């Protein structure tokens, strides 16, 4: 069984990361998202507390904060 990735929307910013990755990818193209979901499966809605993630993973945006 393939581990699920993470698909989130925070402040209007849609992004995902694969289960075995620490890097977030921005979703700017609906076709790209559709292709990703076809490959990885549909996401499940879970409370943040039910995952290994914390609020720290989402603010500030990991897409714009490259560890400066």
Protein backbone atom coordinates (compact mmCIF):
# COMPACT_ATOMS: atom_id res chain seq x y z
CA UNK A 1 0.00 0.00 0.00
CA UNK A 2 1.29 3.47 -0.92
CA UNK A 3 1.47 6.01 1.89
CA UNK A 4 -0.74 9.03 1.35
CA UNK A 5 0.71 12.40 0.53
CA UNK A 6 -0.57 15.64 1.97
CA UNK A 7 -2.71 18.19 0.12
CA UNK A 8 -3.46 21.42 1.98
CA UNK A 9 -4.90 24.87 1.40
CA UNK A 10 -3.64 27.61 3.70
CA UNK A 11 -4.68 31.23 3.19
CA UNK A 12 -5.66 30.49 -0.41
CA UNK A 13 -2.36 28.75 -1.19
CA UNK A 14 -2.80 25.16 -2.39
CA UNK A 15 0.18 22.85 -1.96
CA UNK A 16 1.09 19.21 -1.60
CA UNK A 17 3.93 17.01 -0.54
CA UNK A 18 4.53 13.33 -1.02
CA UNK A 19 4.50 11.10 2.05
CA UNK A 20 8.25 10.47 1.87
CA UNK A 21 9.20 14.08 1.12
CA UNK A 22 9.95 17.11 3.29
CA UNK A 23 9.46 19.54 0.40
CA UNK A 24 6.17 21.25 -0.44
CA UNK A 25 5.09 21.84 -4.03
CA UNK A 26 2.74 24.62 -4.98
CA UNK A 27 -0.30 23.70 -7.05
CA UNK A 28 -0.87 26.29 -9.75
CA UNK A 29 -2.27 24.10 -12.50
CA UNK A 30 -5.55 22.21 -12.21
CA UNK A 31 -4.38 19.61 -14.76
CA UNK A 32 -1.22 18.97 -12.72
CA UNK A 33 -3.31 18.46 -9.57
CA UNK A 34 -5.67 16.13 -11.41
CA UNK A 35 -2.74 14.07 -12.72
CA UNK A 36 -1.19 13.91 -9.24
CA UNK A 37 -4.48 12.70 -7.73
CA UNK A 38 -4.82 10.05 -10.42
CA UNK A 39 -1.34 8.77 -9.54
CA UNK A 40 -1.61 9.07 -5.73
CA UNK A 41 -5.33 8.64 -5.09
CA UNK A 42 -7.91 10.97 -3.64
CA UNK A 43 -6.98 12.76 -0.42
CA UNK A 44 -8.79 12.07 2.84
CA UNK A 45 -9.90 14.87 5.11
CA UNK A 46 -8.26 14.61 8.51
CA UNK A 47 -7.95 16.87 11.49
CA UNK A 48 -4.43 18.22 11.88
CA UNK A 49 -4.27 16.51 15.29
CA UNK A 50 -4.74 13.14 13.55
CA UNK A 51 -1.56 13.61 11.51
CA UNK A 52 2.15 13.85 12.25
CA UNK A 53 2.07 17.50 11.13
CA UNK A 54 1.72 20.61 13.30
CA UNK A 55 0.81 24.25 12.64
CA UNK A 56 4.55 24.85 12.38
CA UNK A 57 4.49 23.00 9.04
CA UNK A 58 2.15 25.62 7.55
CA UNK A 59 3.16 29.04 8.90
CA UNK A 60 5.07 30.75 7.54
CA UNK A 61 4.59 29.15 4.16
CA UNK A 62 7.24 26.49 3.48
CA UNK A 63 7.03 27.49 -0.17
CA UNK A 64 8.33 30.99 0.45
CA UNK A 65 10.54 30.32 3.47
CA UNK A 66 13.71 28.61 2.27
CA UNK A 67 15.49 28.73 5.62
CA UNK A 68 16.96 32.23 5.33
